[in-house]
Amino acid sequence: MLTSTPRAFVGSTTVSVRGMTCGHCERAVTEEIGRVDGVRGVSVDLAAGTVTVTVEHPVDRADIAAAIDEAGYALVP
């Protein structure tokens, strides 16, 4: 789970997410991650199966993982 990202990160990080296949998936993931305090931007690349998250202050990577889970998807270890 986000092994290349420190426990709390600032700036941006890109993670791989399993199960995203369509616009609905993109919206669900964007919406849930966007609800995490401090998140400034979310960019989903469906073809690559990745999500780039940009934050304005330190955010715990576990909060991002939980948001992805809430959306119904899973991080690729």
N, C-alpha and C. Protein backbone atom coordinates (compact mmCIF):
# COMPACT_ATOMS: atom_id res chain seq x y z
N MET A 1 0.84 -1.19 0.00
CA MET A 1 0.00 0.00 0.00
C MET A 1 0.88 1.24 0.00
N LEU A 2 0.94 1.92 -1.10
CA LEU A 2 1.69 3.17 -1.22
C LEU A 2 3.09 3.05 -0.65
N THR A 3 3.77 1.94 -0.89
CA THR A 3 5.07 1.71 -0.28
C THR A 3 6.12 2.74 -0.67
N SER A 4 5.98 3.38 -1.82
CA SER A 4 6.96 4.38 -2.21
C SER A 4 6.63 5.77 -1.67
N THR A 5 5.53 5.89 -0.96
CA THR A 5 5.10 7.16 -0.40
C THR A 5 5.29 7.13 1.11
N PRO A 6 5.93 8.17 1.69
CA PRO A 6 6.05 8.20 3.15
C PRO A 6 4.67 8.16 3.80
N ARG A 7 4.63 7.81 5.09
CA ARG A 7 3.36 7.68 5.81
C ARG A 7 2.50 8.93 5.63
N ALA A 8 3.07 10.10 5.76
CA ALA A 8 2.37 11.35 5.47
C ALA A 8 3.16 12.01 4.34
N PHE A 9 2.45 12.53 3.36
CA PHE A 9 3.16 13.13 2.23
C PHE A 9 2.62 14.52 1.94
N VAL A 10 3.47 15.31 1.28
CA VAL A 10 3.13 16.66 0.85
C VAL A 10 3.46 16.73 -0.63
N GLY A 11 2.72 17.50 -1.36
CA GLY A 11 2.97 17.61 -2.80
C GLY A 11 2.04 16.68 -3.54
N SER A 12 2.61 15.71 -4.24
CA SER A 12 1.76 14.76 -4.95
C SER A 12 2.37 13.38 -4.94
N THR A 13 1.52 12.39 -5.13
CA THR A 13 1.95 11.00 -5.24
C THR A 13 1.02 10.31 -6.22
N THR A 14 1.53 9.29 -6.88
CA THR A 14 0.74 8.51 -7.82
C THR A 14 0.67 7.08 -7.32
N VAL A 15 -0.54 6.54 -7.31
CA VAL A 15 -0.75 5.17 -6.84
C VAL A 15 -1.47 4.37 -7.91
N SER A 16 -1.28 3.06 -7.88
CA SER A 16 -1.99 2.16 -8.79
C SER A 16 -3.24 1.65 -8.09
N VAL A 17 -4.34 1.63 -8.84
CA VAL A 17 -5.63 1.22 -8.28
C VAL A 17 -6.22 0.12 -9.17
N ARG A 18 -6.63 -0.96 -8.54
CA ARG A 18 -7.21 -2.10 -9.27
C ARG A 18 -8.72 -1.93 -9.40
N GLY A 19 -9.24 -2.21 -10.61
CA GLY A 19 -10.68 -2.28 -10.80
C GLY A 19 -11.32 -1.11 -11.52
N MET A 20 -10.59 -0.05 -11.79
CA MET A 20 -11.18 1.10 -12.47
C MET A 20 -11.25 0.82 -13.97
N THR A 21 -12.45 0.96 -14.56
CA THR A 21 -12.59 0.64 -15.97
C THR A 21 -13.38 1.68 -16.78
N CYS A 22 -14.05 2.62 -16.10
CA CYS A 22 -14.94 3.52 -16.85
C CYS A 22 -15.04 4.88 -16.17
N GLY A 23 -15.82 5.75 -16.77
CA GLY A 23 -16.03 7.09 -16.23
C GLY A 23 -16.65 7.07 -14.85
N HIS A 24 -17.55 6.13 -14.59
CA HIS A 24 -18.15 6.03 -13.25
C HIS A 24 -17.07 5.74 -12.22
N CYS A 25 -16.16 4.84 -12.55
CA CYS A 25 -15.05 4.50 -11.64
C CYS A 25 -14.22 5.75 -11.35
N GLU A 26 -13.91 6.48 -12.40
CA GLU A 26 -13.12 7.70 -12.27
C GLU A 26 -13.81 8.70 -11.35
N ARG A 27 -15.10 8.90 -11.54
CA ARG A 27 -15.85 9.85 -10.70
C ARG A 27 -15.90 9.40 -9.25
N ALA A 28 -16.12 8.11 -9.02
CA ALA A 28 -16.22 7.59 -7.66
C ALA A 28 -14.91 7.77 -6.90
N VAL A 29 -13.81 7.42 -7.54
CA VAL A 29 -12.50 7.55 -6.90
C VAL A 29 -12.17 9.02 -6.68
N THR A 30 -12.41 9.86 -7.67
CA THR A 30 -12.13 11.29 -7.55
C THR A 30 -12.93 11.91 -6.41
N GLU A 31 -14.20 11.55 -6.33
CA GLU A 31 -15.07 12.11 -5.29
C GLU A 31 -14.62 11.70 -3.89
N GLU A 32 -14.33 10.43 -3.69
CA GLU A 32 -13.95 9.95 -2.36
C GLU A 32 -12.60 10.51 -1.92
N ILE A 33 -11.62 10.50 -2.81
CA ILE A 33 -10.31 11.05 -2.45
C ILE A 33 -10.43 12.55 -2.23
N GLY A 34 -11.24 13.21 -3.03
CA GLY A 34 -11.43 14.66 -2.89
C GLY A 34 -12.00 15.07 -1.55
N ARG A 35 -12.65 14.16 -0.85
CA ARG A 35 -13.21 14.44 0.47
C ARG A 35 -12.18 14.42 1.59
N VAL A 36 -11.00 13.89 1.31
CA VAL A 36 -9.94 13.83 2.33
C VAL A 36 -9.42 15.24 2.58
N ASP A 37 -9.38 15.62 3.86
CA ASP A 37 -8.89 16.95 4.23
C ASP A 37 -7.48 17.17 3.71
N GLY A 38 -7.28 18.27 3.01
CA GLY A 38 -5.96 18.62 2.49
C GLY A 38 -5.75 18.28 1.04
N VAL A 39 -6.62 17.46 0.46
CA VAL A 39 -6.47 17.09 -0.95
C VAL A 39 -6.88 18.28 -1.81
N ARG A 40 -5.97 18.65 -2.71
CA ARG A 40 -6.20 19.79 -3.60
C ARG A 40 -6.59 19.33 -5.01
N GLY A 41 -6.15 18.13 -5.40
CA GLY A 41 -6.46 17.66 -6.74
C GLY A 41 -6.34 16.15 -6.86
N VAL A 42 -7.13 15.59 -7.76
CA VAL A 42 -7.12 14.15 -8.03
C VAL A 42 -7.18 13.99 -9.54
N SER A 43 -6.26 13.21 -10.08
CA SER A 43 -6.24 12.95 -11.52
C SER A 43 -6.18 11.44 -11.74
N VAL A 44 -7.19 10.92 -12.43
CA VAL A 44 -7.29 9.49 -12.68
C VAL A 44 -6.88 9.20 -14.13
N ASP A 45 -6.01 8.22 -14.31
CA ASP A 45 -5.63 7.74 -15.64
C ASP A 45 -6.16 6.32 -15.76
N LEU A 46 -7.35 6.17 -16.36
CA LEU A 46 -7.97 4.84 -16.46
C LEU A 46 -7.10 3.86 -17.23
N ALA A 47 -6.50 4.29 -18.34
CA ALA A 47 -5.70 3.39 -19.16
C ALA A 47 -4.52 2.82 -18.39
N ALA A 48 -3.91 3.64 -17.56
CA ALA A 48 -2.76 3.20 -16.77
C ALA A 48 -3.17 2.57 -15.44
N GLY A 49 -4.42 2.82 -15.01
CA GLY A 49 -4.87 2.31 -13.72
C GLY A 49 -4.22 3.03 -12.56
N THR A 50 -3.97 4.33 -12.74
CA THR A 50 -3.30 5.10 -11.70
C THR A 50 -4.13 6.31 -11.29
N VAL A 51 -3.82 6.79 -10.09
CA VAL A 51 -4.44 8.00 -9.56
C VAL A 51 -3.32 8.87 -8.99
N THR A 52 -3.28 10.13 -9.40
CA THR A 52 -2.33 11.07 -8.84
C THR A 52 -3.08 12.00 -7.90
N VAL A 53 -2.57 12.10 -6.68
CA VAL A 53 -3.21 12.91 -5.65
C VAL A 53 -2.26 14.05 -5.29
N THR A 54 -2.78 15.27 -5.30
CA THR A 54 -2.01 16.45 -4.92
C THR A 54 -2.63 17.03 -3.65
N VAL A 55 -1.77 17.33 -2.68
CA VAL A 55 -2.26 17.82 -1.39
C VAL A 55 -1.62 19.16 -1.05
N GLU A 56 -2.31 19.93 -0.20
CA GLU A 56 -1.82 21.25 0.18
C GLU A 56 -1.14 21.27 1.53
N HIS A 57 -1.34 20.22 2.32
CA HIS A 57 -0.62 20.07 3.58
C HIS A 57 -0.47 18.57 3.82
N PRO A 58 0.37 18.15 4.77
CA PRO A 58 0.60 16.72 4.95
C PRO A 58 -0.70 15.93 5.11
N VAL A 59 -0.78 14.84 4.34
CA VAL A 59 -1.93 13.94 4.38
C VAL A 59 -1.40 12.53 4.63
N ASP A 60 -2.06 11.81 5.51
CA ASP A 60 -1.67 10.44 5.82
C ASP A 60 -2.06 9.54 4.66
N ARG A 61 -1.13 8.74 4.19
CA ARG A 61 -1.42 7.85 3.06
C ARG A 61 -2.55 6.87 3.38
N ALA A 62 -2.74 6.54 4.66
CA ALA A 62 -3.83 5.65 5.05
C ALA A 62 -5.18 6.27 4.75
N ASP A 63 -5.27 7.60 4.82
CA ASP A 63 -6.53 8.28 4.50
C ASP A 63 -6.85 8.15 3.01
N ILE A 64 -5.82 8.18 2.18
CA ILE A 64 -6.02 8.02 0.73
C ILE A 64 -6.45 6.58 0.44
N ALA A 65 -5.79 5.63 1.09
CA ALA A 65 -6.14 4.22 0.90
C ALA A 65 -7.57 3.96 1.34
N ALA A 66 -7.98 4.54 2.44
CA ALA A 66 -9.35 4.36 2.94
C ALA A 66 -10.37 4.96 1.97
N ALA A 67 -10.05 6.09 1.37
CA ALA A 67 -10.96 6.72 0.41
C ALA A 67 -11.12 5.85 -0.83
N ILE A 68 -10.03 5.28 -1.29
CA ILE A 68 -10.09 4.38 -2.46
C ILE A 68 -10.94 3.16 -2.12
N ASP A 69 -10.75 2.62 -0.93
CA ASP A 69 -11.55 1.48 -0.48
C ASP A 69 -13.03 1.85 -0.40
N GLU A 70 -13.32 3.02 0.13
CA GLU A 70 -14.70 3.49 0.24
C GLU A 70 -15.36 3.60 -1.13
N ALA A 71 -14.57 3.96 -2.14
CA ALA A 71 -15.09 4.08 -3.50
C ALA A 71 -15.34 2.71 -4.13
N GLY A 72 -14.83 1.65 -3.49
CA GLY A 72 -15.06 0.30 -3.98
C GLY A 72 -13.92 -0.28 -4.79
N TYR A 73 -12.73 0.30 -4.64
CA TYR A 73 -11.58 -0.16 -5.41
C TYR A 73 -10.44 -0.49 -4.46
N ALA A 74 -9.34 -1.00 -4.99
CA ALA A 74 -8.24 -1.42 -4.13
C ALA A 74 -6.91 -0.93 -4.69
N LEU A 75 -6.04 -0.54 -3.78
CA LEU A 75 -4.68 -0.19 -4.16
C LEU A 75 -3.95 -1.45 -4.62
N VAL A 76 -3.10 -1.30 -5.61
CA VAL A 76 -2.25 -2.39 -6.04
C VAL A 76 -0.99 -2.33 -5.18
N PRO A 77 -0.69 -3.42 -4.47
CA PRO A 77 0.50 -3.39 -3.58
C PRO A 77 1.80 -3.23 -4.35
